[in-house]
């Protein structure tokens, strides 16, 4: 989950020796870095011994593969970083569409009962819940399925009824958009039946918000199904692995055990950058950089209920505006 922090709260010591939310568990808990360290230590031991004559690999020869690695790593990380914030923009956009939808209900149906207002707004909220459950849920197939526990959450929060859940389970299309269509149908029916609706009430503004919400949902799903091309990821992994092996071998020419901590730092940083980029490419899940979708959903539901609460009712009032004559005097 996303770790919120204030840079001013950290100094060099508290930041360097922090474990949670850093590259340390992502790199040190994997065998790659330890295999590289074993390789470097073994080559250094053989080089310093007299039994085996190790071929010389001048340090300058590693400059070209290192330059290629830096290019691939920076380009891949930049694409993953852009992808990450595009996802964030789509998630906040979904919350904005839901908020706009509920605000329009307040404007166009001033005499609607709280129950009617909730029934007109719950579908758009439920559609975002279902999308998040499909993206980051605990079901099989990478969370693409919604679990029974997640359907239970939708029923318990009164976002969907048991019959509606049964229809959604049987539906083979894009479930969030079906729920958004239900929302537009509910508003259309209420427009036709509400004699106290505001002047100029029409389906158009609600349709615009529903289609914008659908677009954000579809963009998230489409981006998730199209990751960074695998050949590029394979090239990056190959370049990183070969370059670290070459560096680990070339460093034995310095003939000092101090090459061990230096090589460890180099491996930690390069592998950490790669692991961070990989985590950024899919921000839905349980990684340290992943979105707090539970917070997104809870905030959206809380904002919806606050907008529908009696405390949000519009109260007409008149303000005394000073006349122009008094201002001139």
C-alpha atoms as a PDB file:
ATOM      1  CA  UNK A   1       0.000   0.000   0.000  1.00  0.00           C
ATOM      2  CA  UNK A   2       1.061   3.566  -0.625  1.00  0.00           C
ATOM      3  CA  UNK A   3       3.249   4.933   2.165  1.00  0.00           C
ATOM      4  CA  UNK A   4       2.498   8.563   2.906  1.00  0.00           C
ATOM      5  CA  UNK A   5       5.452  10.478   4.255  1.00  0.00           C
ATOM      6  CA  UNK A   6       6.843  13.959   4.744  1.00  0.00           C
ATOM      7  CA  UNK A   7      10.455  14.258   3.508  1.00  0.00           C
ATOM      8  CA  UNK A   8      11.256  16.748   6.254  1.00  0.00           C
ATOM      9  CA  UNK A   9      10.444  14.120   8.890  1.00  0.00           C
ATOM     10  CA  UNK A  10      13.373  11.942   7.774  1.00  0.00           C
ATOM     11  CA  UNK A  11      17.091  12.466   8.177  1.00  0.00           C
ATOM     12  CA  UNK A  12      19.884  10.410   6.633  1.00  0.00           C
ATOM     13  CA  UNK A  13      19.914   7.844   9.426  1.00  0.00           C
ATOM     14  CA  UNK A  14      16.163   7.257   9.765  1.00  0.00           C
ATOM     15  CA  UNK A  15      15.771   7.040   6.003  1.00  0.00           C
ATOM     16  CA  UNK A  16      18.738   4.761   5.237  1.00  0.00           C
ATOM     17  CA  UNK A  17      17.969   2.266   7.998  1.00  0.00           C
ATOM     18  CA  UNK A  18      14.243   2.039   7.310  1.00  0.00           C
ATOM     19  CA  UNK A  19      13.063  -1.384   6.138  1.00  0.00           C
ATOM     20  CA  UNK A  20       9.345  -1.204   5.310  1.00  0.00           C
ATOM     21  CA  UNK A  21       8.481   0.461   2.037  1.00  0.00           C
ATOM     22  CA  UNK A  22      12.056   0.511   0.713  1.00  0.00           C
ATOM     23  CA  UNK A  23      13.974  -1.426  -1.927  1.00  0.00           C
ATOM     24  CA  UNK A  24      15.652  -3.489   0.808  1.00  0.00           C
ATOM     25  CA  UNK A  25      12.985  -6.199   1.241  1.00  0.00           C
ATOM     26  CA  UNK A  26      12.291  -6.216  -2.507  1.00  0.00           C
ATOM     27  CA  UNK A  27      15.953  -6.961  -3.301  1.00  0.00           C
ATOM     28  CA  UNK A  28      17.418  -8.670  -0.244  1.00  0.00           C
ATOM     29  CA  UNK A  29      14.591 -11.194   0.016  1.00  0.00           C
ATOM     30  CA  UNK A  30      15.356 -12.471  -3.481  1.00  0.00           C
ATOM     31  CA  UNK A  31      18.221 -14.866  -4.293  1.00  0.00           C
ATOM     32  CA  UNK A  32      19.634 -12.889  -7.249  1.00  0.00           C
ATOM     33  CA  UNK A  33      21.736 -10.424  -5.285  1.00  0.00           C
ATOM     34  CA  UNK A  34      23.186 -13.179  -3.088  1.00  0.00           C
ATOM     35  CA  UNK A  35      24.099 -15.293  -6.112  1.00  0.00           C
ATOM     36  CA  UNK A  36      25.895 -12.279  -7.569  1.00  0.00           C
ATOM     37  CA  UNK A  37      27.765 -11.705  -4.314  1.00  0.00           C
ATOM     38  CA  UNK A  38      28.801 -15.370  -4.149  1.00  0.00           C
ATOM     39  CA  UNK A  39      30.029 -15.139  -7.749  1.00  0.00           C
ATOM     40  CA  UNK A  40      32.112 -12.022  -7.026  1.00  0.00           C
ATOM     41  CA  UNK A  41      33.606 -13.443  -3.836  1.00  0.00           C
ATOM     42  CA  UNK A  42      34.487 -16.723  -5.596  1.00  0.00           C
ATOM     43  CA  UNK A  43      36.163 -14.913  -8.492  1.00  0.00           C
ATOM     44  CA  UNK A  44      38.060 -12.676  -6.065  1.00  0.00           C
ATOM     45  CA  UNK A  45      39.260 -15.685  -4.080  1.00  0.00           C
ATOM     46  CA  UNK A  46      40.483 -17.478  -7.219  1.00  0.00           C
ATOM     47  CA  UNK A  47      42.168 -14.325  -8.503  1.00  0.00           C
ATOM     48  CA  UNK A  48      44.089 -13.757  -5.273  1.00  0.00           C
ATOM     49  CA  UNK A  49      45.182 -17.390  -5.135  1.00  0.00           C
ATOM     50  CA  UNK A  50      48.095 -18.879  -7.004  1.00  0.00           C
ATOM     51  CA  UNK A  51      46.455 -22.047  -8.290  1.00  0.00           C
ATOM     52  CA  UNK A  52      44.333 -20.488 -11.061  1.00  0.00           C
ATOM     53  CA  UNK A  53      45.308 -17.676 -13.422  1.00  0.00           C
ATOM     54  CA  UNK A  54      42.161 -15.629 -14.127  1.00  0.00           C
ATOM     55  CA  UNK A  55      41.810 -13.839 -17.494  1.00  0.00           C
ATOM     56  CA  UNK A  56      41.997 -10.068 -17.209  1.00  0.00           C
ATOM     57  CA  UNK A  57      38.844  -8.007 -17.882  1.00  0.00           C
ATOM     58  CA  UNK A  58      39.870  -4.325 -17.966  1.00  0.00           C
ATOM     59  CA  UNK A  59      37.406  -2.070 -16.166  1.00  0.00           C
ATOM     60  CA  UNK A  60      37.112   0.164 -19.250  1.00  0.00           C
ATOM     61  CA  UNK A  61      35.523  -2.654 -21.230  1.00  0.00           C
ATOM     62  CA  UNK A  62      32.467  -2.553 -18.972  1.00  0.00           C
ATOM     63  CA  UNK A  63      31.733   1.064 -19.953  1.00  0.00           C
ATOM     64  CA  UNK A  64      29.726   0.186 -23.082  1.00  0.00           C
ATOM     65  CA  UNK A  65      27.384  -2.412 -21.534  1.00  0.00           C
ATOM     66  CA  UNK A  66      26.971  -0.146 -18.500  1.00  0.00           C
ATOM     67  CA  UNK A  67      25.879   2.739 -20.756  1.00  0.00           C
ATOM     68  CA  UNK A  68      23.362   0.491 -22.506  1.00  0.00           C
ATOM     69  CA  UNK A  69      22.052  -0.699 -19.143  1.00  0.00           C
ATOM     70  CA  UNK A  70      21.566   2.852 -17.876  1.00  0.00           C
ATOM     71  CA  UNK A  71      19.623   3.740 -21.026  1.00  0.00           C
ATOM     72  CA  UNK A  72      17.344   0.708 -20.805  1.00  0.00           C
ATOM     73  CA  UNK A  73      16.795   1.081 -17.068  1.00  0.00           C
ATOM     74  CA  UNK A  74      16.012   4.800 -17.201  1.00  0.00           C
ATOM     75  CA  UNK A  75      13.663   4.403 -20.177  1.00  0.00           C
ATOM     76  CA  UNK A  76      11.817   1.460 -18.597  1.00  0.00           C
ATOM     77  CA  UNK A  77      11.539   3.201 -15.218  1.00  0.00           C
ATOM     78  CA  UNK A  78      10.269   6.397 -16.872  1.00  0.00           C
ATOM     79  CA  UNK A  79       7.547   4.514 -18.731  1.00  0.00           C
ATOM     80  CA  UNK A  80       6.477   2.691 -15.576  1.00  0.00           C
ATOM     81  CA  UNK A  81       6.436   5.959 -13.612  1.00  0.00           C
ATOM     82  CA  UNK A  82       4.254   7.640 -16.253  1.00  0.00           C
ATOM     83  CA  UNK A  83       1.969   4.609 -16.310  1.00  0.00           C
ATOM     84  CA  UNK A  84       1.679   4.742 -12.504  1.00  0.00           C
ATOM     85  CA  UNK A  85       0.499   8.349 -12.412  1.00  0.00           C
ATOM     86  CA  UNK A  86      -1.835   7.778 -15.351  1.00  0.00           C
ATOM     87  CA  UNK A  87      -3.514   5.074 -13.279  1.00  0.00           C
ATOM     88  CA  UNK A  88      -3.725   7.492 -10.355  1.00  0.00           C
ATOM     89  CA  UNK A  89      -5.365  10.133 -12.544  1.00  0.00           C
ATOM     90  CA  UNK A  90      -7.962   7.624 -13.736  1.00  0.00           C
ATOM     91  CA  UNK A  91      -8.729   6.535 -10.159  1.00  0.00           C
ATOM     92  CA  UNK A  92      -9.208  10.104  -8.960  1.00  0.00           C
ATOM     93  CA  UNK A  93     -11.230  10.788 -12.101  1.00  0.00           C
ATOM     94  CA  UNK A  94     -13.634   7.995 -11.190  1.00  0.00           C
ATOM     95  CA  UNK A  95     -14.114   9.502  -7.752  1.00  0.00           C
ATOM     96  CA  UNK A  96     -14.731  12.903  -9.333  1.00  0.00           C
ATOM     97  CA  UNK A  97     -17.383  11.509 -11.681  1.00  0.00           C
ATOM     98  CA  UNK A  98     -19.228   9.899  -8.770  1.00  0.00           C
ATOM     99  CA  UNK A  99     -19.082  13.143  -6.788  1.00  0.00           C
ATOM    100  CA  UNK A 100     -20.406  15.123  -9.767  1.00  0.00           C
ATOM    101  CA  UNK A 101     -23.222  12.596 -10.256  1.00  0.00           C
ATOM    102  CA  UNK A 102     -24.380  12.941  -6.639  1.00  0.00           C
ATOM    103  CA  UNK A 103     -24.124  16.733  -6.838  1.00  0.00           C
ATOM    104  CA  UNK A 104     -26.367  16.751  -9.911  1.00  0.00           C
ATOM    105  CA  UNK A 105     -28.922  14.681  -8.018  1.00  0.00           C
ATOM    106  CA  UNK A 106     -28.948  17.341  -5.307  1.00  0.00           C
ATOM    107  CA  UNK A 107     -29.553  20.099  -7.848  1.00  0.00           C
ATOM    108  CA  UNK A 108     -32.169  18.473 -10.063  1.00  0.00           C
ATOM    109  CA  UNK A 109     -34.220  16.569  -7.464  1.00  0.00           C
ATOM    110  CA  UNK A 110     -34.549  18.911  -4.447  1.00  0.00           C
ATOM    111  CA  UNK A 111     -37.696  17.219  -3.134  1.00  0.00           C
ATOM    112  CA  UNK A 112     -36.527  13.620  -3.450  1.00  0.00           C
ATOM    113  CA  UNK A 113     -36.532  11.546  -0.267  1.00  0.00           C
ATOM    114  CA  UNK A 114     -33.256  10.243   1.194  1.00  0.00           C
ATOM    115  CA  UNK A 115     -34.203   6.735   0.061  1.00  0.00           C
ATOM    116  CA  UNK A 116     -34.794   7.924  -3.498  1.00  0.00           C
ATOM    117  CA  UNK A 117     -31.518   9.851  -3.535  1.00  0.00           C
ATOM    118  CA  UNK A 118     -29.609   6.819  -2.304  1.00  0.00           C
ATOM    119  CA  UNK A 119     -31.179   4.549  -4.917  1.00  0.00           C
ATOM    120  CA  UNK A 120     -30.229   7.050  -7.630  1.00  0.00           C
ATOM    121  CA  UNK A 121     -26.612   7.270  -6.487  1.00  0.00           C
ATOM    122  CA  UNK A 122     -25.719   3.787  -5.248  1.00  0.00           C
ATOM    123  CA  UNK A 123     -25.220   2.259  -8.689  1.00  0.00           C
ATOM    124  CA  UNK A 124     -22.387   4.573  -9.731  1.00  0.00           C
ATOM    125  CA  UNK A 125     -20.615   3.918  -6.423  1.00  0.00           C
ATOM    126  CA  UNK A 126     -21.132   0.167  -6.815  1.00  0.00           C
ATOM    127  CA  UNK A 127     -19.676   0.224 -10.328  1.00  0.00           C
ATOM    128  CA  UNK A 128     -16.374   1.612  -9.028  1.00  0.00           C
ATOM    129  CA  UNK A 129     -16.352  -0.912  -6.169  1.00  0.00           C
ATOM    130  CA  UNK A 130     -16.758  -3.782  -8.627  1.00  0.00           C
ATOM    131  CA  UNK A 131     -13.944  -2.440 -10.797  1.00  0.00           C
ATOM    132  CA  UNK A 132     -11.555  -2.200  -7.844  1.00  0.00           C
ATOM    133  CA  UNK A 133     -12.529  -5.680  -6.707  1.00  0.00           C
ATOM    134  CA  UNK A 134     -11.715  -7.008 -10.171  1.00  0.00           C
ATOM    135  CA  UNK A 135      -8.358  -5.233 -10.236  1.00  0.00           C
ATOM    136  CA  UNK A 136      -7.079  -5.789  -6.710  1.00  0.00           C
ATOM    137  CA  UNK A 137      -9.326  -8.412  -5.203  1.00  0.00           C
ATOM    138  CA  UNK A 138      -8.208 -11.571  -3.514  1.00  0.00           C
ATOM    139  CA  UNK A 139      -9.798 -13.897  -6.057  1.00  0.00           C
ATOM    140  CA  UNK A 140      -8.022 -16.279  -8.376  1.00  0.00           C
ATOM    141  CA  UNK A 141      -6.803 -15.326 -11.854  1.00  0.00           C
ATOM    142  CA  UNK A 142      -4.995 -12.243 -10.558  1.00  0.00           C
ATOM    143  CA  UNK A 143      -8.058 -10.721  -8.928  1.00  0.00           C
ATOM    144  CA  UNK A 144     -10.080 -10.664 -12.156  1.00  0.00           C
ATOM    145  CA  UNK A 145     -12.897 -12.455 -10.361  1.00  0.00           C
ATOM    146  CA  UNK A 146     -14.974 -10.943  -7.577  1.00  0.00           C
ATOM    147  CA  UNK A 147     -15.082 -13.160  -4.506  1.00  0.00           C
ATOM    148  CA  UNK A 148     -18.193 -14.013  -2.523  1.00  0.00           C
ATOM    149  CA  UNK A 149     -16.824 -11.931   0.354  1.00  0.00           C
ATOM    150  CA  UNK A 150     -16.554  -8.907  -1.934  1.00  0.00           C
ATOM    151  CA  UNK A 151     -20.105  -9.400  -3.212  1.00  0.00           C
ATOM    152  CA  UNK A 152     -21.140  -9.589   0.447  1.00  0.00           C
ATOM    153  CA  UNK A 153     -19.525  -6.191   1.057  1.00  0.00           C
ATOM    154  CA  UNK A 154     -21.620  -4.691  -1.744  1.00  0.00           C
ATOM    155  CA  UNK A 155     -24.790  -6.111  -0.216  1.00  0.00           C
ATOM    156  CA  UNK A 156     -23.921  -5.112   3.358  1.00  0.00           C
ATOM    157  CA  UNK A 157     -23.225  -1.513   2.344  1.00  0.00           C
ATOM    158  CA  UNK A 158     -26.619  -1.436   0.542  1.00  0.00           C
ATOM    159  CA  UNK A 159     -24.961  -0.675  -2.779  1.00  0.00           C
ATOM    160  CA  UNK A 160     -26.528  -3.701  -4.447  1.00  0.00           C
ATOM    161  CA  UNK A 161     -29.332  -6.124  -3.658  1.00  0.00           C
ATOM    162  CA  UNK A 162     -29.044  -9.899  -3.713  1.00  0.00           C
ATOM    163  CA  UNK A 163     -30.994 -10.055  -6.990  1.00  0.00           C
ATOM    164  CA  UNK A 164     -28.709  -7.470  -8.583  1.00  0.00           C
ATOM    165  CA  UNK A 165     -25.646  -9.406  -7.458  1.00  0.00           C
ATOM    166  CA  UNK A 166     -27.084 -12.565  -9.010  1.00  0.00           C
ATOM    167  CA  UNK A 167     -27.601 -10.752 -12.322  1.00  0.00           C
ATOM    168  CA  UNK A 168     -24.070  -9.394 -12.269  1.00  0.00           C
ATOM    169  CA  UNK A 169     -22.584 -12.807 -11.545  1.00  0.00           C
ATOM    170  CA  UNK A 170     -24.385 -14.205 -14.593  1.00  0.00           C
ATOM    171  CA  UNK A 171     -23.429 -11.262 -16.814  1.00  0.00           C
ATOM    172  CA  UNK A 172     -20.425 -12.010 -19.059  1.00  0.00           C
ATOM    173  CA  UNK A 173     -19.698  -8.489 -20.208  1.00  0.00           C
ATOM    174  CA  UNK A 174     -18.031  -5.527 -18.508  1.00  0.00           C
ATOM    175  CA  UNK A 175     -19.824  -5.479 -15.157  1.00  0.00           C
ATOM    176  CA  UNK A 176     -19.040  -1.864 -14.117  1.00  0.00           C
ATOM    177  CA  UNK A 177     -20.642  -0.469 -17.270  1.00  0.00           C
ATOM    178  CA  UNK A 178     -23.775  -2.580 -16.801  1.00  0.00           C
ATOM    179  CA  UNK A 179     -24.178  -1.057 -13.337  1.00  0.00           C
ATOM    180  CA  UNK A 180     -23.659   2.426 -14.816  1.00  0.00           C
ATOM    181  CA  UNK A 181     -26.407   1.710 -17.355  1.00  0.00           C
ATOM    182  CA  UNK A 182     -28.660   0.760 -14.446  1.00  0.00           C
ATOM    183  CA  UNK A 183     -27.817   4.120 -12.873  1.00  0.00           C
ATOM    184  CA  UNK A 184     -28.871   6.006 -16.027  1.00  0.00           C
ATOM    185  CA  UNK A 185     -32.068   3.962 -16.270  1.00  0.00           C
ATOM    186  CA  UNK A 186     -32.905   4.770 -12.636  1.00  0.00           C
ATOM    187  CA  UNK A 187     -32.380   8.501 -13.224  1.00  0.00           C
ATOM    188  CA  UNK A 188     -34.420   8.435 -16.431  1.00  0.00           C
ATOM    189  CA  UNK A 189     -37.314   6.753 -14.630  1.00  0.00           C
ATOM    190  CA  UNK A 190     -37.130   9.258 -11.778  1.00  0.00           C
ATOM    191  CA  UNK A 191     -37.108  12.221 -14.166  1.00  0.00           C
ATOM    192  CA  UNK A 192     -40.318  10.929 -15.716  1.00  0.00           C
ATOM    193  CA  UNK A 193     -41.999  10.351 -12.342  1.00  0.00           C
ATOM    194  CA  UNK A 194     -40.832  13.291 -10.182  1.00  0.00           C
ATOM    195  CA  UNK A 195     -43.265  16.246 -10.394  1.00  0.00           C
ATOM    196  CA  UNK A 196     -40.978  18.406  -8.228  1.00  0.00           C
ATOM    197  CA  UNK A 197     -37.836  18.124 -10.313  1.00  0.00           C
ATOM    198  CA  UNK A 198     -35.962  21.344 -11.035  1.00  0.00           C
ATOM    199  CA  UNK A 199     -36.621  23.255 -14.227  1.00  0.00           C
ATOM    200  CA  UNK A 200     -34.515  22.016 -17.120  1.00  0.00           C
ATOM    201  CA  UNK A 201     -33.890  18.595 -15.635  1.00  0.00           C
ATOM    202  CA  UNK A 202     -32.660  16.184 -18.306  1.00  0.00           C
ATOM    203  CA  UNK A 203     -30.718  12.960 -18.602  1.00  0.00           C
ATOM    204  CA  UNK A 204     -27.894  14.618 -20.540  1.00  0.00           C
ATOM    205  CA  UNK A 205     -25.735  15.806 -17.582  1.00  0.00           C
ATOM    206  CA  UNK A 206     -26.035  12.417 -15.875  1.00  0.00           C
ATOM    207  CA  UNK A 207     -25.235  10.631 -19.103  1.00  0.00           C
ATOM    208  CA  UNK A 208     -22.087  12.735 -19.518  1.00  0.00           C
ATOM    209  CA  UNK A 209     -20.856  11.773 -16.050  1.00  0.00           C
ATOM    210  CA  UNK A 210     -21.738   8.095 -16.516  1.00  0.00           C
ATOM    211  CA  UNK A 211     -19.889   7.915 -19.841  1.00  0.00           C
ATOM    212  CA  UNK A 212     -16.881   9.749 -18.371  1.00  0.00           C
ATOM    213  CA  UNK A 213     -16.892   7.235 -15.527  1.00  0.00           C
ATOM    214  CA  UNK A 214     -17.104   4.380 -18.030  1.00  0.00           C
ATOM    215  CA  UNK A 215     -14.169   5.855 -19.940  1.00  0.00           C
ATOM    216  CA  UNK A 216     -11.989   6.008 -16.831  1.00  0.00           C
ATOM    217  CA  UNK A 217     -12.912   2.444 -15.876  1.00  0.00           C
ATOM    218  CA  UNK A 218     -12.188   1.159 -19.374  1.00  0.00           C
ATOM    219  CA  UNK A 219      -8.864   3.020 -19.555  1.00  0.00           C
ATOM    220  CA  UNK A 220      -7.702   1.383 -16.323  1.00  0.00           C
ATOM    221  CA  UNK A 221      -8.712  -2.095 -17.500  1.00  0.00           C
ATOM    222  CA  UNK A 222      -7.215  -1.617 -20.965  1.00  0.00           C
ATOM    223  CA  UNK A 223      -3.913  -0.391 -19.545  1.00  0.00           C
ATOM    224  CA  UNK A 224      -3.781  -3.326 -17.162  1.00  0.00           C
ATOM    225  CA  UNK A 225      -4.274  -5.789 -20.031  1.00  0.00           C
ATOM    226  CA  UNK A 226      -1.487  -4.108 -22.023  1.00  0.00           C
ATOM    227  CA  UNK A 227       1.661  -4.064 -19.873  1.00  0.00           C
ATOM    228  CA  UNK A 228       5.067  -2.826 -20.975  1.00  0.00           C
ATOM    229  CA  UNK A 229       5.991  -5.185 -23.850  1.00  0.00           C
ATOM    230  CA  UNK A 230       7.685  -8.340 -22.605  1.00  0.00           C
ATOM    231  CA  UNK A 231      10.603  -8.229 -25.103  1.00  0.00           C
ATOM    232  CA  UNK A 232      11.634  -4.883 -23.610  1.00  0.00           C
ATOM    233  CA  UNK A 233      11.372  -6.246 -20.077  1.00  0.00           C
ATOM    234  CA  UNK A 234      13.354  -9.322 -21.135  1.00  0.00           C
ATOM    235  CA  UNK A 235      16.060  -7.132 -22.694  1.00  0.00           C
ATOM    236  CA  UNK A 236      16.298  -5.051 -19.537  1.00  0.00           C
ATOM    237  CA  UNK A 237      16.576  -8.143 -17.321  1.00  0.00           C
ATOM    238  CA  UNK A 238      19.193  -9.677 -19.595  1.00  0.00           C
ATOM    239  CA  UNK A 239      21.242  -6.465 -19.729  1.00  0.00           C
ATOM    240  CA  UNK A 240      21.039  -6.012 -15.970  1.00  0.00           C
ATOM    241  CA  UNK A 241      22.082  -9.579 -15.185  1.00  0.00           C
ATOM    242  CA  UNK A 242      24.966  -9.701 -17.677  1.00  0.00           C
ATOM    243  CA  UNK A 243      26.210  -6.249 -16.711  1.00  0.00           C
ATOM    244  CA  UNK A 244      26.304  -7.116 -13.014  1.00  0.00           C
ATOM    245  CA  UNK A 245      28.168 -10.343 -13.782  1.00  0.00           C
ATOM    246  CA  UNK A 246      30.723  -8.419 -15.851  1.00  0.00           C
ATOM    247  CA  UNK A 247      31.112  -5.776 -13.140  1.00  0.00           C
ATOM    248  CA  UNK A 248      31.491  -8.443 -10.483  1.00  0.00           C
ATOM    249  CA  UNK A 249      34.254 -10.081 -12.495  1.00  0.00           C
ATOM    250  CA  UNK A 250      36.012  -6.869 -13.534  1.00  0.00           C
ATOM    251  CA  UNK A 251      36.191  -5.630  -9.920  1.00  0.00           C
ATOM    252  CA  UNK A 252      38.491  -8.491  -8.936  1.00  0.00           C
ATOM    253  CA  UNK A 253      41.320  -6.633 -10.702  1.00  0.00           C
ATOM    254  CA  UNK A 254      41.356  -4.136  -7.849  1.00  0.00           C
ATOM    255  CA  UNK A 255      42.633  -7.015  -5.672  1.00  0.00           C
ATOM    256  CA  UNK A 256      41.002  -5.819  -2.461  1.00  0.00           C
ATOM    257  CA  UNK A 257      38.182  -7.111  -0.311  1.00  0.00           C
ATOM    258  CA  UNK A 258      36.705  -3.604  -0.375  1.00  0.00           C
ATOM    259  CA  UNK A 259      35.330  -4.475  -3.813  1.00  0.00           C
ATOM    260  CA  UNK A 260      32.788  -6.689  -2.021  1.00  0.00           C
ATOM    261  CA  UNK A 261      30.795  -3.851  -0.328  1.00  0.00           C
ATOM    262  CA  UNK A 262      31.157  -1.692  -3.441  1.00  0.00           C
ATOM    263  CA  UNK A 263      29.732  -4.413  -5.673  1.00  0.00           C
ATOM    264  CA  UNK A 264      26.971  -5.035  -3.136  1.00  0.00           C
ATOM    265  CA  UNK A 265      25.915  -1.366  -3.256  1.00  0.00           C
ATOM    266  CA  UNK A 266      25.953  -1.327  -7.060  1.00  0.00           C
ATOM    267  CA  UNK A 267      23.851  -4.494  -7.244  1.00  0.00           C
ATOM    268  CA  UNK A 268      21.433  -3.251  -4.568  1.00  0.00           C
ATOM    269  CA  UNK A 269      20.773   0.042  -6.330  1.00  0.00           C
ATOM    270  CA  UNK A 270      20.389  -1.354  -9.859  1.00  0.00           C
ATOM    271  CA  UNK A 271      18.214  -4.272  -8.788  1.00  0.00           C
ATOM    272  CA  UNK A 272      16.209  -1.922  -6.546  1.00  0.00           C
ATOM    273  CA  UNK A 273      15.495   0.424  -9.452  1.00  0.00           C
ATOM    274  CA  UNK A 274      14.265  -2.482 -11.536  1.00  0.00           C
ATOM    275  CA  UNK A 275      12.043  -3.877  -8.772  1.00  0.00           C
ATOM    276  CA  UNK A 276      10.585  -0.427  -8.121  1.00  0.00           C
ATOM    277  CA  UNK A 277       9.775   0.040 -11.807  1.00  0.00           C
ATOM    278  CA  UNK A 278       8.102  -3.379 -11.941  1.00  0.00           C
ATOM    279  CA  UNK A 279       5.978  -2.515  -8.888  1.00  0.00           C
ATOM    280  CA  UNK A 280       4.972   0.847 -10.401  1.00  0.00           C
ATOM    281  CA  UNK A 281       3.732  -0.831 -13.591  1.00  0.00           C
ATOM    282  CA  UNK A 282       0.888  -2.533 -11.645  1.00  0.00           C
ATOM    283  CA  UNK A 283      -0.310  -0.329  -8.757  1.00  0.00           C
ATOM    284  CA  UNK A 284      -3.254  -2.562  -7.800  1.00  0.00           C
ATOM    285  CA  UNK A 285      -2.365  -5.104  -5.148  1.00  0.00           C
ATOM    286  CA  UNK A 286      -0.408  -5.275  -1.910  1.00  0.00           C
ATOM    287  CA  UNK A 287       2.995  -3.833  -2.826  1.00  0.00           C
ATOM    288  CA  UNK A 288       4.387  -0.855  -0.945  1.00  0.00           C
ATOM    289  CA  UNK A 289       3.804   1.437  -3.936  1.00  0.00           C
ATOM    290  CA  UNK A 290       0.303   0.170  -4.735  1.00  0.00           C
ATOM    291  CA  UNK A 291      -2.758   2.361  -4.353  1.00  0.00           C
ATOM    292  CA  UNK A 292      -4.832   2.262  -1.186  1.00  0.00           C
ATOM    293  CA  UNK A 293      -7.965   1.297  -3.079  1.00  0.00           C
ATOM    294  CA  UNK A 294      -9.737   0.582   0.208  1.00  0.00           C
ATOM    295  CA  UNK A 295      -9.223   4.229   1.134  1.00  0.00           C
ATOM    296  CA  UNK A 296     -10.401   5.322  -2.331  1.00  0.00           C
ATOM    297  CA  UNK A 297     -13.606   3.319  -1.954  1.00  0.00           C
ATOM    298  CA  UNK A 298     -14.267   4.365   1.645  1.00  0.00           C
ATOM    299  CA  UNK A 299     -13.732   8.049   0.813  1.00  0.00           C
ATOM    300  CA  UNK A 300     -16.038   7.839  -2.194  1.00  0.00           C
ATOM    301  CA  UNK A 301     -18.798   6.205  -0.144  1.00  0.00           C
ATOM    302  CA  UNK A 302     -18.347   8.695   2.704  1.00  0.00           C
ATOM    303  CA  UNK A 303     -18.492  11.674   0.311  1.00  0.00           C
ATOM    304  CA  UNK A 304     -21.642  10.281  -1.285  1.00  0.00           C
ATOM    305  CA  UNK A 305     -23.391   9.848   2.055  1.00  0.00           C
ATOM    306  CA  UNK A 306     -22.283  13.311   3.197  1.00  0.00           C
ATOM    307  CA  UNK A 307     -23.718  14.891   0.049  1.00  0.00           C
ATOM    308  CA  UNK A 308     -27.017  13.079   0.583  1.00  0.00           C
ATOM    309  CA  UNK A 309     -27.214  13.955   4.281  1.00  0.00           C
ATOM    310  CA  UNK A 310     -29.683  16.628   5.478  1.00  0.00           C
ATOM    311  CA  UNK A 311     -26.759  18.844   6.490  1.00  0.00           C
ATOM    312  CA  UNK A 312     -26.025  19.323   2.774  1.00  0.00           C
ATOM    313  CA  UNK A 313     -29.503  20.753   2.015  1.00  0.00           C
ATOM    314  CA  UNK A 314     -29.563  24.070   0.217  1.00  0.00           C
ATOM    315  CA  UNK A 315     -30.986  26.913   2.283  1.00  0.00           C
ATOM    316  CA  UNK A 316     -31.937  30.049   0.389  1.00  0.00           C
ATOM    317  CA  UNK A 317     -30.789  33.287   2.001  1.00  0.00           C
ATOM    318  CA  UNK A 318     -30.585  36.944   1.096  1.00  0.00           C
ATOM    319  CA  UNK A 319     -27.539  39.071   1.684  1.00  0.00           C
ATOM    320  CA  UNK A 320     -27.665  42.829   2.049  1.00  0.00           C
ATOM    321  CA  UNK A 321     -25.494  44.335  -0.637  1.00  0.00           C
ATOM    322  CA  UNK A 322     -24.418  47.949  -0.060  1.00  0.00           C
ATOM    323  CA  UNK A 323     -25.817  50.312  -2.645  1.00  0.00           C
ATOM    324  CA  UNK A 324     -23.571  52.064  -5.106  1.00  0.00           C
ATOM    325  CA  UNK A 325     -24.533  55.434  -3.675  1.00  0.00           C
ATOM    326  CA  UNK A 326     -23.384  54.518  -0.157  1.00  0.00           C
ATOM    327  CA  UNK A 327     -20.105  53.232  -1.537  1.00  0.00           C
ATOM    328  CA  UNK A 328     -19.489  56.531  -3.347  1.00  0.00           C
ATOM    329  CA  UNK A 329     -20.225  58.477  -0.201  1.00  0.00           C
END
